N, C-alpha and C. Protein backbone atom coordinates (compact mmCIF):
# COMPACT_ATOMS: atom_id res chain seq x y z
N MET A 1 -69.81 9.62 -21.55
CA MET A 1 -68.92 9.62 -20.48
C MET A 1 -67.49 9.84 -20.93
N GLY A 2 -66.77 10.75 -20.34
CA GLY A 2 -65.47 11.00 -20.69
C GLY A 2 -64.40 10.06 -20.02
N THR A 3 -63.17 10.15 -20.42
CA THR A 3 -62.15 9.42 -19.83
C THR A 3 -61.02 10.32 -19.56
N GLY A 4 -61.28 11.55 -19.11
CA GLY A 4 -60.38 12.55 -18.84
C GLY A 4 -59.65 12.49 -17.51
N ARG A 5 -59.06 13.56 -17.16
CA ARG A 5 -58.22 13.64 -15.97
C ARG A 5 -59.04 13.38 -14.66
N THR A 6 -60.25 13.91 -14.64
CA THR A 6 -61.06 13.80 -13.40
C THR A 6 -61.36 12.35 -13.04
N LEU A 7 -61.44 11.46 -14.01
CA LEU A 7 -61.75 10.03 -13.71
C LEU A 7 -60.45 9.30 -13.35
N ARG A 8 -59.30 9.85 -13.56
CA ARG A 8 -58.03 9.19 -13.18
C ARG A 8 -57.58 9.57 -11.79
N LYS A 9 -58.10 10.61 -11.26
CA LYS A 9 -57.66 11.10 -9.94
C LYS A 9 -58.27 10.34 -8.87
N GLU A 10 -57.44 9.72 -8.02
CA GLU A 10 -57.88 8.81 -6.94
C GLU A 10 -58.75 9.51 -5.95
N SER A 11 -58.49 10.68 -5.53
CA SER A 11 -59.27 11.30 -4.45
C SER A 11 -60.71 11.68 -4.89
N HIS A 12 -60.92 11.79 -6.14
CA HIS A 12 -62.25 12.13 -6.67
C HIS A 12 -63.11 10.95 -6.98
N VAL A 13 -62.51 9.84 -7.30
CA VAL A 13 -63.25 8.67 -7.73
C VAL A 13 -62.91 7.52 -6.77
N ARG A 14 -63.61 7.39 -5.72
CA ARG A 14 -63.37 6.36 -4.74
C ARG A 14 -64.43 5.32 -4.94
N PRO A 15 -64.12 4.05 -4.75
CA PRO A 15 -65.15 2.98 -4.94
C PRO A 15 -66.13 3.07 -3.73
N CYS A 16 -67.42 2.74 -4.04
CA CYS A 16 -68.43 2.81 -3.03
C CYS A 16 -68.34 1.50 -2.22
N LYS A 17 -68.71 1.57 -0.93
CA LYS A 17 -68.76 0.32 -0.14
C LYS A 17 -69.96 -0.44 -0.56
N THR A 18 -69.81 -1.75 -0.69
CA THR A 18 -70.85 -2.61 -1.07
C THR A 18 -71.36 -3.31 0.19
N PRO A 19 -72.60 -3.81 0.24
CA PRO A 19 -73.09 -4.49 1.35
C PRO A 19 -72.23 -5.76 1.62
N ALA A 20 -71.81 -6.44 0.58
CA ALA A 20 -70.98 -7.63 0.78
C ALA A 20 -69.60 -7.25 1.44
N GLY A 21 -69.06 -6.11 1.06
CA GLY A 21 -67.79 -5.69 1.66
C GLY A 21 -68.01 -5.32 3.13
N LYS A 22 -69.12 -4.70 3.46
CA LYS A 22 -69.37 -4.38 4.87
C LYS A 22 -69.57 -5.63 5.68
N ALA A 23 -70.28 -6.61 5.18
CA ALA A 23 -70.53 -7.88 5.87
C ALA A 23 -69.21 -8.62 6.10
N ARG A 24 -68.39 -8.60 5.05
CA ARG A 24 -67.06 -9.25 5.16
C ARG A 24 -66.19 -8.63 6.29
N LYS A 25 -66.24 -7.29 6.31
CA LYS A 25 -65.48 -6.58 7.31
C LYS A 25 -66.01 -6.85 8.73
N ASN A 26 -67.31 -6.85 8.86
CA ASN A 26 -67.97 -7.15 10.17
C ASN A 26 -67.60 -8.53 10.64
N LYS A 27 -67.67 -9.47 9.75
CA LYS A 27 -67.34 -10.86 10.08
C LYS A 27 -65.90 -11.04 10.56
N ALA A 28 -64.97 -10.34 9.87
CA ALA A 28 -63.56 -10.40 10.23
C ALA A 28 -63.35 -9.74 11.60
N GLN A 29 -64.06 -8.68 11.83
CA GLN A 29 -63.88 -7.98 13.14
C GLN A 29 -64.42 -8.83 14.32
N ARG A 30 -65.53 -9.50 14.11
CA ARG A 30 -66.08 -10.40 15.10
C ARG A 30 -65.16 -11.56 15.35
N ALA A 31 -64.59 -12.11 14.29
CA ALA A 31 -63.57 -13.13 14.46
C ALA A 31 -62.36 -12.75 15.23
N ARG A 32 -62.00 -11.49 15.07
CA ARG A 32 -60.86 -10.91 15.75
C ARG A 32 -61.10 -10.79 17.28
N LEU A 33 -62.37 -10.42 17.62
CA LEU A 33 -62.71 -10.33 19.01
C LEU A 33 -62.77 -11.71 19.68
N VAL A 34 -63.22 -12.70 18.97
CA VAL A 34 -63.22 -14.08 19.52
C VAL A 34 -61.76 -14.56 19.72
N LYS A 35 -60.89 -14.20 18.77
CA LYS A 35 -59.49 -14.58 18.98
C LYS A 35 -58.85 -13.87 20.18
N LEU A 36 -59.34 -12.69 20.47
CA LEU A 36 -58.80 -11.99 21.67
C LEU A 36 -59.33 -12.57 22.91
N GLY A 37 -60.28 -13.45 22.89
CA GLY A 37 -60.74 -14.16 24.11
C GLY A 37 -62.16 -13.96 24.50
N MET A 38 -62.89 -13.18 23.76
CA MET A 38 -64.31 -12.94 24.14
C MET A 38 -65.14 -14.22 23.73
N ALA A 39 -66.21 -14.40 24.49
CA ALA A 39 -67.10 -15.50 24.19
C ALA A 39 -67.86 -15.21 22.88
N GLU A 40 -68.00 -16.27 22.06
CA GLU A 40 -68.60 -16.12 20.71
C GLU A 40 -70.06 -15.64 20.86
N ALA A 41 -70.77 -16.17 21.93
CA ALA A 41 -72.17 -15.78 22.14
C ALA A 41 -72.30 -14.31 22.44
N ASP A 42 -71.31 -13.72 23.22
CA ASP A 42 -71.32 -12.30 23.53
C ASP A 42 -71.09 -11.51 22.27
N VAL A 43 -70.18 -11.92 21.47
CA VAL A 43 -69.83 -11.18 20.28
C VAL A 43 -71.05 -11.20 19.26
N LYS A 44 -71.75 -12.32 19.22
CA LYS A 44 -72.90 -12.43 18.31
C LYS A 44 -74.03 -11.39 18.69
N SER A 45 -74.16 -11.27 20.04
CA SER A 45 -75.27 -10.44 20.51
C SER A 45 -74.88 -8.93 20.38
N MET A 46 -73.66 -8.52 20.10
CA MET A 46 -73.31 -7.12 20.04
C MET A 46 -73.66 -6.56 18.70
N GLY A 47 -73.83 -5.25 18.67
CA GLY A 47 -74.05 -4.54 17.46
C GLY A 47 -72.74 -4.27 16.70
N ASP A 48 -72.86 -3.86 15.43
CA ASP A 48 -71.68 -3.64 14.61
C ASP A 48 -70.86 -2.47 15.16
N ASP A 49 -71.51 -1.46 15.65
CA ASP A 49 -70.74 -0.28 16.18
C ASP A 49 -70.00 -0.71 17.43
N ASP A 50 -70.56 -1.50 18.33
CA ASP A 50 -69.86 -1.90 19.51
C ASP A 50 -68.65 -2.77 19.16
N VAL A 51 -68.86 -3.68 18.21
CA VAL A 51 -67.72 -4.53 17.72
C VAL A 51 -66.61 -3.63 17.22
N ARG A 52 -66.91 -2.66 16.42
CA ARG A 52 -65.97 -1.81 15.81
C ARG A 52 -65.11 -1.04 16.87
N ILE A 53 -65.83 -0.58 17.91
CA ILE A 53 -65.18 0.16 18.99
C ILE A 53 -64.19 -0.70 19.76
N LEU A 54 -64.59 -2.01 20.06
CA LEU A 54 -63.82 -2.93 20.79
C LEU A 54 -62.56 -3.39 20.03
N VAL A 55 -62.77 -3.54 18.71
CA VAL A 55 -61.60 -4.02 17.89
C VAL A 55 -60.51 -3.00 17.89
N GLN A 56 -60.90 -1.72 18.00
CA GLN A 56 -59.91 -0.63 18.02
C GLN A 56 -59.13 -0.62 19.27
N ARG A 57 -59.58 -1.25 20.35
CA ARG A 57 -58.96 -1.21 21.64
C ARG A 57 -58.75 -2.62 22.20
N PRO A 58 -57.74 -3.31 21.71
CA PRO A 58 -57.59 -4.74 22.17
C PRO A 58 -57.15 -4.84 23.65
N THR A 59 -56.51 -3.82 24.21
CA THR A 59 -56.17 -3.93 25.59
C THR A 59 -57.40 -3.88 26.50
N VAL A 60 -58.40 -3.11 26.10
CA VAL A 60 -59.58 -3.09 26.85
C VAL A 60 -60.35 -4.45 26.81
N VAL A 61 -60.27 -5.08 25.64
CA VAL A 61 -60.94 -6.37 25.50
C VAL A 61 -60.23 -7.39 26.41
N LYS A 62 -58.93 -7.35 26.39
CA LYS A 62 -58.18 -8.29 27.27
C LYS A 62 -58.48 -8.12 28.70
N LYS A 63 -58.64 -6.84 29.09
CA LYS A 63 -59.01 -6.58 30.49
C LYS A 63 -60.42 -7.03 30.86
N LEU A 64 -61.38 -6.88 29.91
CA LEU A 64 -62.72 -7.42 30.11
C LEU A 64 -62.75 -8.88 30.24
N VAL A 65 -61.95 -9.59 29.36
CA VAL A 65 -61.93 -11.03 29.41
C VAL A 65 -61.28 -11.52 30.77
N ALA A 66 -60.19 -10.81 31.17
CA ALA A 66 -59.58 -11.21 32.45
C ALA A 66 -60.52 -10.97 33.64
N LYS A 67 -61.30 -9.94 33.58
CA LYS A 67 -62.30 -9.63 34.63
C LYS A 67 -63.35 -10.68 34.76
N LYS A 68 -63.82 -11.18 33.59
CA LYS A 68 -64.84 -12.18 33.58
C LYS A 68 -64.32 -13.54 34.04
N ALA A 69 -63.04 -13.76 33.75
CA ALA A 69 -62.42 -15.06 34.14
C ALA A 69 -62.27 -15.21 35.64
N LYS A 70 -62.20 -14.08 36.37
CA LYS A 70 -62.02 -14.13 37.86
C LYS A 70 -63.27 -14.54 38.54
């Protein structure tokens, strides 16, 4: 294995995502939704993709929480 220029370039050598890193990210995103006001049981029943979409749109989450509160 060489130690040349190609291994020093950031764009060519990116670290792989590990399962532990993905789990940590998912856990943090779920906690973020709970902090925004969603019920913890609802967040647990959601899939990872749904959680990711809702975390990207906090105003939508706040509207959903307000609608359920009424």
